[in-house]
Every structure is written in C-alpha cells, then in structure tokens.
Amino acid sequence: MRDSDLFGAVIAEALTTGMVVRFSAEGTSMYPTIRDGEVITIAAVSPDEVVRGDVLLCRHDTRVLAHRVVHVTTRGTERVFRLRGDAKAACDAPVGADAVVGKVISVCRNGRVAPLCGRAARLRHAARTSASGAKAFVVSRVTVLCRAVFS
C-alpha cells in the first residue's frame, strides 16, 4: 500500500499545475466501475462543478479514496459531498471541498479508455445500478418461490 499522505500531496501538486494524473487503482470499493489494478485518470475540478454521479478522489483521514458523489449539500458557504464506493452499502463520512483532490475522468480497461464523467457516464452507471437491483429482486423472488415449492 502506498503512503497516502505523500501520494495525495504529489497528485494535488501535479493537478494545480494543470497536469492530469494517471495511476493504478487499488482495492475493490468501486467495482465494477473501477477494478483493482486498472489505470484511472484524474483531473483538477472546481468544487462548484461537482455534480451527483461524479467520481472524486478525496482525502479521508489518512487515506486517499476514489468514490462516487451520491449527495451534494452546502454548509454555510462550503460545499459538502457524500461519497460511496459503488460496491459499498454505506456512505463515507461527508467531506468538504477542501478534501477534494480531483475528479476521476476515465478508466483504462483492456486497452480501452472509458470516460467516467459526463452525462453518458452517469446514465451508464444508473442503468447498471437499475439492472443490478432488478437482478437482486428476481433472485430473491425465485428463492422464495423455490422454498415454497420444495418445502
């Protein structure tokens, strides 16, 4: 595991100079959108431009995590973001705009670059989430039906 404080500082510095940053993601919290070992691309983002559905790279205590924005609110004059990994059931602790390092703009999978920002990416995520929910519903109903028939 990399030194998250140093890693986050290097990325933040590079983004402030206008660079985009690419690195291999670690972990499974964003599966299936981002898989362990895939290369993701991060770009600078203004907190005012962040919308629900974006994937942000943020500082969480001593860690740097890439998770999806599920809610945006304001406390006083600061924007606050609720984030959650796509493979997680619960949200992370809310983060302020000062914790945002950058925005994940793409993932490279099998030699192809898939954008993770913009309307099309948010629609793909919504469709995948709906399909996953529908599959879970059908599996639960079939399980109940099988138990009723075979008991």
Protein backbone atom coordinates (compact mmCIF):
# COMPACT_ATOMS: atom_id res chain seq x y z
CA MET A 1 0.00 0.00 0.00
CA ARG A 2 1.32 3.42 -0.85
CA ASP A 3 1.88 6.32 1.59
CA SER A 4 -1.48 8.06 1.14
CA ASP A 5 -0.40 11.42 2.56
CA LEU A 6 2.57 11.70 0.22
CA PHE A 7 0.61 10.21 -2.68
CA GLY A 8 -2.25 12.70 -2.22
CA ALA A 9 0.16 15.63 -1.94
CA VAL A 10 2.00 14.68 -5.14
CA ILE A 11 -1.26 14.32 -7.06
CA ALA A 12 -2.65 17.61 -5.72
CA GLU A 13 0.55 19.43 -6.68
CA ALA A 14 0.51 17.99 -10.20
CA LEU A 15 -3.16 18.91 -10.67
CA THR A 16 -2.59 22.52 -9.60
CA THR A 17 -0.06 22.87 -12.42
CA GLY A 18 -2.66 21.78 -14.98
CA MET A 19 -1.48 18.22 -15.43
CA VAL A 20 -3.68 15.14 -15.47
CA VAL A 21 -2.51 12.22 -13.35
CA ARG A 22 -2.73 8.52 -14.13
CA PHE A 23 -2.14 5.69 -11.68
CA SER A 24 -3.25 2.14 -10.94
CA ALA A 25 -6.21 1.97 -8.59
CA GLU A 26 -6.01 -0.29 -5.55
CA GLY A 27 -9.00 -2.02 -3.99
CA THR A 28 -12.49 -3.15 -4.91
CA SER A 29 -14.74 -0.48 -3.38
CA MET A 30 -15.63 0.96 -6.83
CA TYR A 31 -16.22 -2.40 -8.53
CA PRO A 32 -17.40 -2.80 -11.29
CA THR A 33 -16.75 0.80 -12.41
CA ILE A 34 -13.09 0.70 -11.36
CA ARG A 35 -11.43 -2.66 -10.84
CA ASP A 36 -8.34 -3.35 -8.75
CA GLY A 37 -5.21 -2.59 -10.79
CA GLU A 38 -6.91 -0.59 -13.55
CA VAL A 39 -5.38 2.72 -14.57
CA ILE A 40 -7.51 5.76 -13.74
CA THR A 41 -7.03 9.33 -14.91
CA ILE A 42 -7.55 12.25 -12.51
CA ALA A 43 -8.05 15.90 -13.48
CA ALA A 44 -8.44 19.05 -11.41
CA VAL A 45 -12.01 20.05 -10.60
CA SER A 46 -13.62 23.06 -9.01
CA PRO A 47 -15.93 22.08 -6.14
CA ASP A 48 -18.64 24.20 -7.80
CA GLU A 49 -18.53 21.94 -10.89
CA VAL A 50 -19.04 18.68 -8.96
CA VAL A 51 -22.42 17.00 -9.51
CA ARG A 52 -24.07 13.86 -8.21
CA GLY A 53 -22.67 10.85 -10.05
CA ASP A 54 -19.12 12.20 -10.44
CA VAL A 55 -16.27 10.08 -9.08
CA LEU A 56 -13.96 12.15 -6.88
CA LEU A 57 -10.52 11.46 -5.47
CA CYS A 58 -10.69 12.77 -1.88
CA ARG A 59 -8.70 12.72 1.33
CA HIS A 60 -10.41 10.70 4.08
CA ASP A 61 -8.37 10.97 7.27
CA THR A 62 -5.04 9.42 6.27
CA ARG A 63 -6.33 7.76 3.09
CA VAL A 64 -7.00 8.92 -0.46
CA LEU A 65 -10.13 7.31 -1.95
CA ALA A 66 -11.92 7.48 -5.29
CA HIS A 67 -15.67 7.21 -4.61
CA ARG A 68 -18.87 8.36 -6.29
CA VAL A 69 -20.75 11.50 -5.24
CA VAL A 70 -24.22 10.49 -4.03
CA HIS A 71 -25.27 13.81 -2.49
CA VAL A 72 -24.13 17.44 -2.65
CA THR A 73 -25.12 19.97 0.00
CA THR A 74 -23.89 23.26 1.42
CA ARG A 75 -22.80 24.12 4.97
CA GLY A 76 -22.53 27.86 5.23
CA THR A 77 -20.59 28.78 2.11
CA GLU A 78 -18.78 25.45 1.69
CA ARG A 79 -19.98 22.58 -0.49
CA VAL A 80 -20.07 19.21 1.26
CA PHE A 81 -20.09 15.86 -0.54
CA ARG A 82 -21.44 12.46 0.49
CA LEU A 83 -19.47 9.73 -1.27
CA ARG A 84 -19.89 5.99 -1.56
CA GLY A 85 -17.98 3.26 -3.33
CA ASP A 86 -20.12 1.52 -5.97
CA ALA A 87 -19.55 -1.83 -4.21
CA LYS A 88 -20.35 -0.44 -0.76
CA ALA A 89 -23.70 -0.33 1.03
CA ALA A 90 -22.96 2.69 3.22
CA CYS A 91 -21.70 6.19 2.52
CA ASP A 92 -18.37 7.54 3.69
CA ALA A 93 -18.25 10.38 6.20
CA PRO A 94 -19.11 13.69 4.47
CA VAL A 95 -16.15 15.58 3.01
CA GLY A 96 -15.74 19.29 2.42
CA ALA A 97 -14.48 20.90 -0.74
CA ASP A 98 -11.01 21.21 0.81
CA ALA A 99 -10.71 17.39 0.88
CA VAL A 100 -11.29 17.04 -2.88
CA VAL A 101 -8.05 16.20 -4.70
CA GLY A 102 -9.51 15.79 -8.18
CA LYS A 103 -12.10 14.11 -10.36
CA VAL A 104 -11.72 10.67 -11.95
CA ILE A 105 -12.32 11.32 -15.64
CA SER A 106 -11.60 7.89 -17.10
CA VAL A 107 -10.57 4.30 -16.51
CA CYS A 108 -8.48 2.19 -18.85
CA ARG A 109 -9.81 -1.35 -19.19
CA ASN A 110 -8.43 -3.94 -21.59
CA GLY A 111 -6.62 -1.26 -23.58
CA ARG A 112 -9.72 0.91 -24.00
CA VAL A 113 -10.43 4.19 -22.23
CA ALA A 114 -13.91 4.53 -20.71
CA PRO A 115 -14.97 8.04 -19.63
CA LEU A 116 -16.33 8.31 -16.08
CA CYS A 117 -17.62 11.86 -16.25
CA GLY A 118 -20.38 13.49 -18.20
CA ARG A 119 -23.98 12.62 -18.87
CA ALA A 120 -23.33 9.38 -20.77
CA ALA A 121 -21.19 8.01 -17.93
CA ARG A 122 -23.86 8.89 -15.35
CA LEU A 123 -26.53 7.19 -17.50
CA ARG A 124 -24.39 4.05 -17.82
CA HIS A 125 -23.97 3.94 -14.05
CA ALA A 126 -27.72 4.44 -13.49
CA ALA A 127 -28.55 1.65 -15.96
CA ARG A 128 -26.06 -0.73 -14.33
CA THR A 129 -27.43 0.09 -10.86
CA SER A 130 -31.02 -0.48 -12.02
CA ALA A 131 -30.12 -3.76 -13.68
CA SER A 132 -28.32 -4.90 -10.53
CA GLY A 133 -31.38 -4.01 -8.42
CA ALA A 134 -33.70 -5.84 -10.81
CA LYS A 135 -31.45 -8.92 -10.73
CA ALA A 136 -31.44 -8.92 -6.92
CA PHE A 137 -35.24 -8.62 -6.88
CA VAL A 138 -35.71 -11.54 -9.31
CA VAL A 139 -33.23 -13.75 -7.43
CA SER A 140 -35.00 -13.07 -4.12
CA ARG A 141 -38.40 -13.88 -5.64
CA VAL A 142 -37.14 -17.09 -7.24
CA THR A 143 -35.58 -18.12 -3.92
CA VAL A 144 -38.88 -17.56 -2.08
CA LEU A 145 -40.78 -19.45 -4.78
CA CYS A 146 -38.34 -22.40 -4.67
CA ARG A 147 -38.59 -22.60 -0.90
CA ALA A 148 -42.41 -22.61 -1.13
CA VAL A 149 -42.44 -25.31 -3.82
CA PHE A 150 -39.81 -27.58 -2.28
CA SER A 151 -40.78 -27.34 1.39
